[in-house]
């Protein structure tokens, strides 16, 4: 494994997820505003949340290398979609248990996990195809 390329993949994926999860709340502003009522203020949670997102991104990139590890955009997108499905299920466990979480806001959040995961999975495949994959024998697409 090429550690430098692994770190590059983490940085690129972290930035991509950051941009997507910044734009998402703008697209679904009403759902996010309603869901924020059930959550702590952002200024109290931003640092730990960023840390947890970094851990998720490291796992995403490492698992991508193990599960896909190629320039196949379709496989990358499917991988990201499946990770998004996992996140969707995990979030919905908590949303179901929270007493005052507005249940009507779940669908936009679910859609974001699926679409954003697929986008970043395809991005990882694109990088792999450009010779920026971190695996031992990755081959750049011509």
N, C-alpha and C. Protein backbone atom coordinates (compact mmCIF):
# COMPACT_ATOMS: atom_id res chain seq x y z
N UNK A 1 0.85 -1.18 0.00
CA UNK A 1 0.00 0.00 0.00
C UNK A 1 0.89 1.24 0.00
N UNK A 2 0.54 2.18 -0.84
CA UNK A 2 1.25 3.45 -0.91
C UNK A 2 0.58 4.41 0.09
N UNK A 3 1.26 4.68 1.20
CA UNK A 3 0.69 5.50 2.27
C UNK A 3 0.39 6.93 1.81
N UNK A 4 1.26 7.50 1.00
CA UNK A 4 1.03 8.86 0.50
C UNK A 4 -0.25 8.95 -0.32
N UNK A 5 -0.46 7.96 -1.20
CA UNK A 5 -1.69 7.96 -2.01
C UNK A 5 -2.91 7.67 -1.15
N UNK A 6 -2.74 6.84 -0.13
CA UNK A 6 -3.84 6.56 0.80
C UNK A 6 -4.27 7.85 1.49
N UNK A 7 -3.31 8.62 1.97
CA UNK A 7 -3.62 9.89 2.63
C UNK A 7 -4.25 10.86 1.64
N UNK A 8 -3.75 10.91 0.41
CA UNK A 8 -4.34 11.76 -0.62
C UNK A 8 -5.80 11.38 -0.85
N UNK A 9 -6.09 10.09 -0.95
CA UNK A 9 -7.46 9.63 -1.14
C UNK A 9 -8.35 10.06 0.03
N UNK A 10 -7.82 9.97 1.24
CA UNK A 10 -8.59 10.38 2.42
C UNK A 10 -8.89 11.87 2.35
N UNK A 11 -7.88 12.67 2.03
CA UNK A 11 -8.07 14.13 1.96
C UNK A 11 -9.10 14.48 0.89
N UNK A 12 -8.98 13.89 -0.29
CA UNK A 12 -9.92 14.19 -1.38
C UNK A 12 -11.34 13.76 -1.01
N UNK A 13 -11.49 12.57 -0.46
CA UNK A 13 -12.82 12.09 -0.08
C UNK A 13 -13.40 12.94 1.05
N UNK A 14 -12.59 13.33 2.02
CA UNK A 14 -13.05 14.15 3.14
C UNK A 14 -13.56 15.50 2.63
N UNK A 15 -12.81 16.10 1.72
CA UNK A 15 -13.23 17.38 1.14
C UNK A 15 -14.51 17.20 0.32
N UNK A 16 -14.57 16.14 -0.48
CA UNK A 16 -15.77 15.90 -1.30
C UNK A 16 -16.99 15.69 -0.41
N UNK A 17 -16.86 14.85 0.61
CA UNK A 17 -17.99 14.66 1.53
C UNK A 17 -18.35 15.99 2.20
N UNK A 18 -17.35 16.76 2.60
CA UNK A 18 -17.60 18.05 3.24
C UNK A 18 -18.39 18.99 2.36
N UNK A 19 -18.00 19.07 1.10
CA UNK A 19 -18.73 19.94 0.16
C UNK A 19 -20.15 19.44 -0.04
N UNK A 20 -20.29 18.14 -0.27
CA UNK A 20 -21.62 17.58 -0.50
C UNK A 20 -22.54 17.75 0.70
N UNK A 21 -22.01 17.49 1.90
CA UNK A 21 -22.85 17.62 3.09
C UNK A 21 -23.01 19.07 3.54
N UNK A 22 -22.38 20.00 2.85
CA UNK A 22 -22.65 21.42 3.05
C UNK A 22 -23.73 21.87 2.08
N UNK A 23 -23.68 21.37 0.86
CA UNK A 23 -24.68 21.71 -0.15
C UNK A 23 -26.02 21.04 0.15
N UNK A 24 -25.99 19.81 0.63
CA UNK A 24 -27.21 19.06 0.92
C UNK A 24 -28.20 19.79 1.79
N UNK A 25 -27.76 20.33 2.92
CA UNK A 25 -28.71 21.07 3.76
C UNK A 25 -29.32 22.28 3.06
N UNK A 26 -28.61 22.84 2.10
CA UNK A 26 -29.18 23.95 1.34
C UNK A 26 -30.30 23.46 0.42
N UNK A 27 -30.11 22.27 -0.16
CA UNK A 27 -31.12 21.71 -1.06
C UNK A 27 -32.37 21.29 -0.29
N UNK A 28 -32.18 20.81 0.93
CA UNK A 28 -33.29 20.34 1.75
C UNK A 28 -33.40 21.20 3.01
N UNK A 29 -33.45 22.50 2.83
CA UNK A 29 -33.40 23.46 3.95
C UNK A 29 -34.51 23.23 4.97
N UNK A 30 -35.72 22.98 4.51
CA UNK A 30 -36.84 22.81 5.44
C UNK A 30 -36.64 21.59 6.33
N UNK A 31 -36.20 20.48 5.72
CA UNK A 31 -35.98 19.26 6.50
C UNK A 31 -34.86 19.45 7.52
N UNK A 32 -33.80 20.13 7.12
CA UNK A 32 -32.70 20.34 8.04
C UNK A 32 -33.08 21.29 9.16
N UNK A 33 -33.82 22.31 8.85
CA UNK A 33 -34.25 23.24 9.89
C UNK A 33 -35.12 22.53 10.92
N UNK A 34 -36.02 21.68 10.44
CA UNK A 34 -36.89 20.93 11.36
C UNK A 34 -36.08 19.94 12.20
N UNK A 35 -35.11 19.27 11.58
CA UNK A 35 -34.33 18.27 12.32
C UNK A 35 -33.39 18.91 13.33
N UNK A 36 -32.96 20.14 13.08
CA UNK A 36 -32.03 20.81 14.00
C UNK A 36 -32.68 21.09 15.35
N UNK A 37 -34.00 21.14 15.38
CA UNK A 37 -34.71 21.37 16.64
C UNK A 37 -34.44 20.24 17.65
N UNK A 38 -34.18 19.03 17.14
CA UNK A 38 -33.96 17.88 18.01
C UNK A 38 -32.48 17.67 18.36
N UNK A 39 -31.60 18.52 17.83
CA UNK A 39 -30.17 18.33 18.00
C UNK A 39 -29.54 19.46 18.80
N UNK A 40 -28.35 19.20 19.32
CA UNK A 40 -27.59 20.24 20.02
C UNK A 40 -27.18 21.32 19.02
N UNK A 41 -26.88 22.52 19.52
CA UNK A 41 -26.39 23.58 18.62
C UNK A 41 -25.09 23.15 17.94
N UNK A 42 -24.93 23.53 16.67
CA UNK A 42 -23.76 23.14 15.90
C UNK A 42 -22.45 23.57 16.55
N UNK A 43 -22.43 24.74 17.15
CA UNK A 43 -21.18 25.22 17.74
C UNK A 43 -20.69 24.31 18.87
N UNK A 44 -21.58 23.52 19.46
CA UNK A 44 -21.19 22.58 20.50
C UNK A 44 -20.66 21.27 19.93
N UNK A 45 -21.02 20.97 18.70
CA UNK A 45 -20.73 19.64 18.16
C UNK A 45 -19.80 19.61 16.96
N UNK A 46 -19.45 20.75 16.39
CA UNK A 46 -18.73 20.77 15.12
C UNK A 46 -17.38 20.05 15.20
N UNK A 47 -16.61 20.25 16.26
CA UNK A 47 -15.29 19.62 16.34
C UNK A 47 -15.40 18.09 16.46
N UNK A 48 -16.19 17.57 17.40
CA UNK A 48 -16.27 16.10 17.44
C UNK A 48 -16.89 15.50 16.17
N UNK A 49 -17.86 16.19 15.59
CA UNK A 49 -18.47 15.67 14.36
C UNK A 49 -17.45 15.60 13.23
N UNK A 50 -16.63 16.62 13.10
CA UNK A 50 -15.59 16.59 12.06
C UNK A 50 -14.62 15.42 12.31
N UNK A 51 -14.29 15.18 13.56
CA UNK A 51 -13.43 14.05 13.90
C UNK A 51 -14.06 12.72 13.51
N UNK A 52 -15.35 12.56 13.82
CA UNK A 52 -16.04 11.33 13.46
C UNK A 52 -16.17 11.17 11.94
N UNK A 53 -16.39 12.28 11.24
CA UNK A 53 -16.45 12.22 9.78
C UNK A 53 -15.09 11.82 9.20
N UNK A 54 -14.02 12.28 9.81
CA UNK A 54 -12.69 11.87 9.36
C UNK A 54 -12.50 10.37 9.55
N UNK A 55 -12.93 9.85 10.69
CA UNK A 55 -12.83 8.39 10.92
C UNK A 55 -13.67 7.64 9.89
N UNK A 56 -14.89 8.12 9.62
CA UNK A 56 -15.73 7.49 8.60
C UNK A 56 -15.05 7.52 7.24
N UNK A 57 -14.42 8.63 6.91
CA UNK A 57 -13.76 8.77 5.61
C UNK A 57 -12.57 7.83 5.49
N UNK A 58 -11.79 7.70 6.55
CA UNK A 58 -10.67 6.76 6.54
C UNK A 58 -11.19 5.35 6.28
N UNK A 59 -12.25 4.96 6.98
CA UNK A 59 -12.83 3.63 6.78
C UNK A 59 -13.36 3.49 5.34
N UNK A 60 -14.04 4.51 4.84
CA UNK A 60 -14.59 4.49 3.48
C UNK A 60 -13.47 4.25 2.46
N UNK A 61 -12.41 5.01 2.57
CA UNK A 61 -11.30 4.90 1.61
C UNK A 61 -10.62 3.54 1.71
N UNK A 62 -10.35 3.09 2.91
CA UNK A 62 -9.69 1.79 3.09
C UNK A 62 -10.57 0.66 2.55
N UNK A 63 -11.86 0.69 2.90
CA UNK A 63 -12.77 -0.34 2.40
C UNK A 63 -12.91 -0.28 0.89
N UNK A 64 -12.90 0.94 0.32
CA UNK A 64 -12.95 1.06 -1.13
C UNK A 64 -11.78 0.30 -1.76
N UNK A 65 -10.58 0.51 -1.22
CA UNK A 65 -9.40 -0.17 -1.74
C UNK A 65 -9.51 -1.68 -1.65
N UNK A 66 -10.12 -2.18 -0.59
CA UNK A 66 -10.27 -3.62 -0.40
C UNK A 66 -11.41 -4.19 -1.25
N UNK A 67 -12.51 -3.46 -1.36
CA UNK A 67 -13.70 -3.98 -2.03
C UNK A 67 -13.73 -3.70 -3.53
N UNK A 68 -13.22 -2.54 -3.94
CA UNK A 68 -13.28 -2.15 -5.36
C UNK A 68 -11.88 -2.08 -5.93
N UNK A 69 -11.08 -1.16 -5.44
CA UNK A 69 -9.69 -1.02 -5.84
C UNK A 69 -9.46 -1.01 -7.33
N UNK A 70 -10.32 -0.30 -8.05
CA UNK A 70 -10.17 -0.24 -9.50
C UNK A 70 -10.74 1.06 -10.03
N UNK A 71 -10.60 1.25 -11.33
CA UNK A 71 -11.11 2.44 -12.00
C UNK A 71 -12.54 2.26 -12.49
N UNK A 72 -13.19 1.18 -12.12
CA UNK A 72 -14.56 0.90 -12.55
C UNK A 72 -15.53 1.86 -11.85
N UNK A 73 -15.96 2.89 -12.57
CA UNK A 73 -16.83 3.92 -11.99
C UNK A 73 -18.13 3.34 -11.46
N UNK A 74 -18.70 2.39 -12.18
CA UNK A 74 -19.95 1.78 -11.75
C UNK A 74 -19.76 1.03 -10.43
N UNK A 75 -18.66 0.29 -10.32
CA UNK A 75 -18.38 -0.44 -9.07
C UNK A 75 -18.11 0.54 -7.93
N UNK A 76 -17.41 1.63 -8.22
CA UNK A 76 -17.16 2.65 -7.20
C UNK A 76 -18.44 3.29 -6.72
N UNK A 77 -19.32 3.63 -7.66
CA UNK A 77 -20.59 4.25 -7.30
C UNK A 77 -21.46 3.27 -6.50
N UNK A 78 -21.46 2.01 -6.89
CA UNK A 78 -22.25 1.01 -6.16
C UNK A 78 -21.69 0.82 -4.75
N UNK A 79 -20.37 0.81 -4.63
CA UNK A 79 -19.75 0.72 -3.31
C UNK A 79 -20.20 1.90 -2.44
N UNK A 80 -20.10 3.11 -2.98
CA UNK A 80 -20.51 4.30 -2.23
C UNK A 80 -21.99 4.27 -1.88
N UNK A 81 -22.81 3.80 -2.80
CA UNK A 81 -24.25 3.67 -2.55
C UNK A 81 -24.49 2.72 -1.38
N UNK A 82 -23.78 1.60 -1.35
CA UNK A 82 -23.96 0.62 -0.28
C UNK A 82 -23.48 1.17 1.06
N UNK A 83 -22.39 1.94 1.07
CA UNK A 83 -21.95 2.58 2.30
C UNK A 83 -23.00 3.61 2.73
N UNK A 84 -23.56 4.33 1.76
CA UNK A 84 -24.65 5.27 2.06
C UNK A 84 -25.85 4.56 2.65
N UNK A 85 -26.15 3.36 2.15
CA UNK A 85 -27.25 2.57 2.69
C UNK A 85 -26.99 2.18 4.14
N UNK A 86 -25.74 1.83 4.42
CA UNK A 86 -25.34 1.51 5.80
C UNK A 86 -25.52 2.74 6.70
N UNK A 87 -25.07 3.90 6.24
CA UNK A 87 -25.22 5.12 7.03
C UNK A 87 -26.69 5.48 7.22
N UNK A 88 -27.47 5.30 6.17
CA UNK A 88 -28.91 5.56 6.24
C UNK A 88 -29.54 4.70 7.33
N UNK A 89 -29.22 3.42 7.34
CA UNK A 89 -29.80 2.53 8.34
C UNK A 89 -29.36 2.90 9.75
N UNK A 90 -28.08 3.22 9.90
CA UNK A 90 -27.56 3.61 11.21
C UNK A 90 -28.24 4.87 11.71
N UNK A 91 -28.32 5.89 10.85
CA UNK A 91 -29.00 7.12 11.25
C UNK A 91 -30.45 6.86 11.63
N UNK A 92 -31.13 6.05 10.84
CA UNK A 92 -32.55 5.83 11.08
C UNK A 92 -32.82 5.06 12.35
N UNK A 93 -31.88 4.27 12.80
CA UNK A 93 -32.03 3.62 14.11
C UNK A 93 -32.14 4.71 15.17
N UNK A 94 -31.24 5.70 15.11
CA UNK A 94 -31.27 6.78 16.09
C UNK A 94 -32.48 7.68 15.91
N UNK A 95 -32.81 8.01 14.67
CA UNK A 95 -33.96 8.89 14.42
C UNK A 95 -35.24 8.25 14.94
N UNK A 96 -35.33 6.94 14.85
CA UNK A 96 -36.51 6.23 15.33
C UNK A 96 -36.59 6.27 16.85
N UNK A 97 -35.44 6.21 17.52
CA UNK A 97 -35.42 6.19 18.98
C UNK A 97 -35.55 7.56 19.63
N UNK A 98 -35.17 8.63 18.93
CA UNK A 98 -35.26 9.97 19.51
C UNK A 98 -36.72 10.37 19.66
N UNK A 99 -37.09 10.81 20.84
CA UNK A 99 -38.48 11.16 21.11
C UNK A 99 -39.02 12.27 20.21
N UNK A 100 -38.24 13.31 20.05
CA UNK A 100 -38.77 14.49 19.37
C UNK A 100 -38.17 14.71 17.98
N UNK A 101 -37.59 13.67 17.39
CA UNK A 101 -37.02 13.87 16.06
C UNK A 101 -38.15 13.90 15.04
N UNK A 102 -38.19 14.94 14.20
CA UNK A 102 -39.27 15.04 13.20
C UNK A 102 -39.12 13.97 12.11
N UNK A 103 -39.95 12.98 12.17
CA UNK A 103 -39.81 11.81 11.30
C UNK A 103 -39.95 12.14 9.81
N UNK A 104 -40.66 13.20 9.49
CA UNK A 104 -40.83 13.58 8.08
C UNK A 104 -39.54 14.09 7.44
N UNK A 105 -38.53 14.36 8.23
CA UNK A 105 -37.26 14.86 7.69
C UNK A 105 -36.32 13.73 7.28
N UNK A 106 -36.66 12.51 7.55
CA UNK A 106 -35.76 11.39 7.31
C UNK A 106 -35.48 11.15 5.83
N UNK A 107 -36.47 11.25 4.98
CA UNK A 107 -36.29 10.93 3.56
C UNK A 107 -35.21 11.79 2.89
N UNK A 108 -35.22 13.11 3.04
CA UNK A 108 -34.13 13.89 2.42
C UNK A 108 -32.75 13.49 2.94
N UNK A 109 -32.65 13.21 4.22
CA UNK A 109 -31.36 12.78 4.79
C UNK A 109 -30.94 11.43 4.20
N UNK A 110 -31.89 10.53 4.04
CA UNK A 110 -31.61 9.22 3.45
C UNK A 110 -31.13 9.35 2.01
N UNK A 111 -31.79 10.18 1.25
CA UNK A 111 -31.41 10.40 -0.15
C UNK A 111 -29.99 10.94 -0.22
N UNK A 112 -29.66 11.87 0.66
CA UNK A 112 -28.31 12.43 0.66
C UNK A 112 -27.25 11.36 0.90
N UNK A 113 -27.46 10.49 1.87
CA UNK A 113 -26.48 9.43 2.14
C UNK A 113 -26.24 8.57 0.90
N UNK A 114 -27.31 8.19 0.23
CA UNK A 114 -27.18 7.31 -0.94
C UNK A 114 -26.49 8.00 -2.11
N UNK A 115 -26.93 9.21 -2.43
CA UNK A 115 -26.38 9.93 -3.58
C UNK A 115 -24.94 10.37 -3.30
N UNK A 116 -24.69 10.92 -2.14
CA UNK A 116 -23.35 11.41 -1.84
C UNK A 116 -22.35 10.27 -1.73
N UNK A 117 -22.76 9.14 -1.17
CA UNK A 117 -21.89 7.97 -1.12
C UNK A 117 -21.53 7.50 -2.52
N UNK A 118 -22.52 7.46 -3.40
CA UNK A 118 -22.27 7.02 -4.79
C UNK A 118 -21.31 7.98 -5.49
N UNK A 119 -21.49 9.27 -5.28
CA UNK A 119 -20.61 10.26 -5.91
C UNK A 119 -19.17 10.09 -5.44
N UNK A 120 -18.96 9.97 -4.15
CA UNK A 120 -17.60 9.84 -3.63
C UNK A 120 -17.00 8.49 -4.00
N UNK A 121 -17.81 7.44 -4.05
CA UNK A 121 -17.30 6.14 -4.53
C UNK A 121 -16.83 6.22 -5.97
N UNK A 122 -17.58 6.90 -6.81
CA UNK A 122 -17.17 7.09 -8.21
C UNK A 122 -15.91 7.95 -8.28
N UNK A 123 -15.81 8.94 -7.42
CA UNK A 123 -14.62 9.79 -7.37
C UNK A 123 -13.38 8.96 -7.01
N UNK A 124 -13.53 8.03 -6.07
CA UNK A 124 -12.40 7.17 -5.71
C UNK A 124 -11.98 6.30 -6.89
N UNK A 125 -12.95 5.79 -7.64
CA UNK A 125 -12.62 5.01 -8.84
C UNK A 125 -11.93 5.87 -9.88
N UNK A 126 -12.40 7.09 -10.05
CA UNK A 126 -11.77 8.02 -10.99
C UNK A 126 -10.31 8.23 -10.60
N UNK A 127 -10.06 8.47 -9.32
CA UNK A 127 -8.68 8.67 -8.86
C UNK A 127 -7.84 7.42 -9.10
N UNK A 128 -8.42 6.27 -8.85
CA UNK A 128 -7.70 5.01 -9.08
C UNK A 128 -7.31 4.91 -10.55
N UNK A 129 -8.24 5.27 -11.42
CA UNK A 129 -7.98 5.22 -12.85
C UNK A 129 -6.91 6.19 -13.32
N UNK A 130 -6.69 7.23 -12.56
CA UNK A 130 -5.65 8.21 -12.90
C UNK A 130 -4.32 7.88 -12.24
N UNK A 131 -4.22 6.66 -11.67
CA UNK A 131 -2.98 6.23 -11.04
C UNK A 131 -2.80 6.74 -9.63
N UNK A 132 -3.88 7.22 -9.03
CA UNK A 132 -3.78 7.75 -7.67
C UNK A 132 -4.36 6.80 -6.63
N UNK A 133 -4.60 5.55 -7.04
CA UNK A 133 -5.04 4.55 -6.08
C UNK A 133 -3.88 4.16 -5.19
N UNK A 134 -4.18 3.64 -4.03
CA UNK A 134 -3.12 3.35 -3.05
C UNK A 134 -2.76 1.89 -2.97
N UNK A 135 -3.41 1.03 -3.78
CA UNK A 135 -3.14 -0.40 -3.72
C UNK A 135 -1.81 -0.77 -4.36
N UNK A 136 -1.33 -1.92 -3.99
CA UNK A 136 -0.01 -2.38 -4.43
C UNK A 136 0.08 -2.51 -5.95
N UNK A 137 -0.92 -3.04 -6.58
CA UNK A 137 -0.81 -3.28 -8.01
C UNK A 137 -1.78 -2.51 -8.86
N UNK A 138 -2.22 -1.33 -8.38
CA UNK A 138 -3.23 -0.63 -9.15
C UNK A 138 -2.68 -0.18 -10.50
N UNK A 139 -3.54 -0.26 -11.46
CA UNK A 139 -3.14 0.13 -12.82
C UNK A 139 -3.95 1.34 -13.25
N UNK A 140 -3.31 2.31 -13.79
CA UNK A 140 -4.00 3.50 -14.29
C UNK A 140 -4.71 3.16 -15.59
N UNK A 141 -5.90 3.71 -15.75
CA UNK A 141 -6.64 3.52 -16.99
C UNK A 141 -6.02 4.39 -18.09
N UNK A 142 -6.06 3.91 -19.30
CA UNK A 142 -5.52 4.68 -20.41
C UNK A 142 -6.56 5.57 -21.03
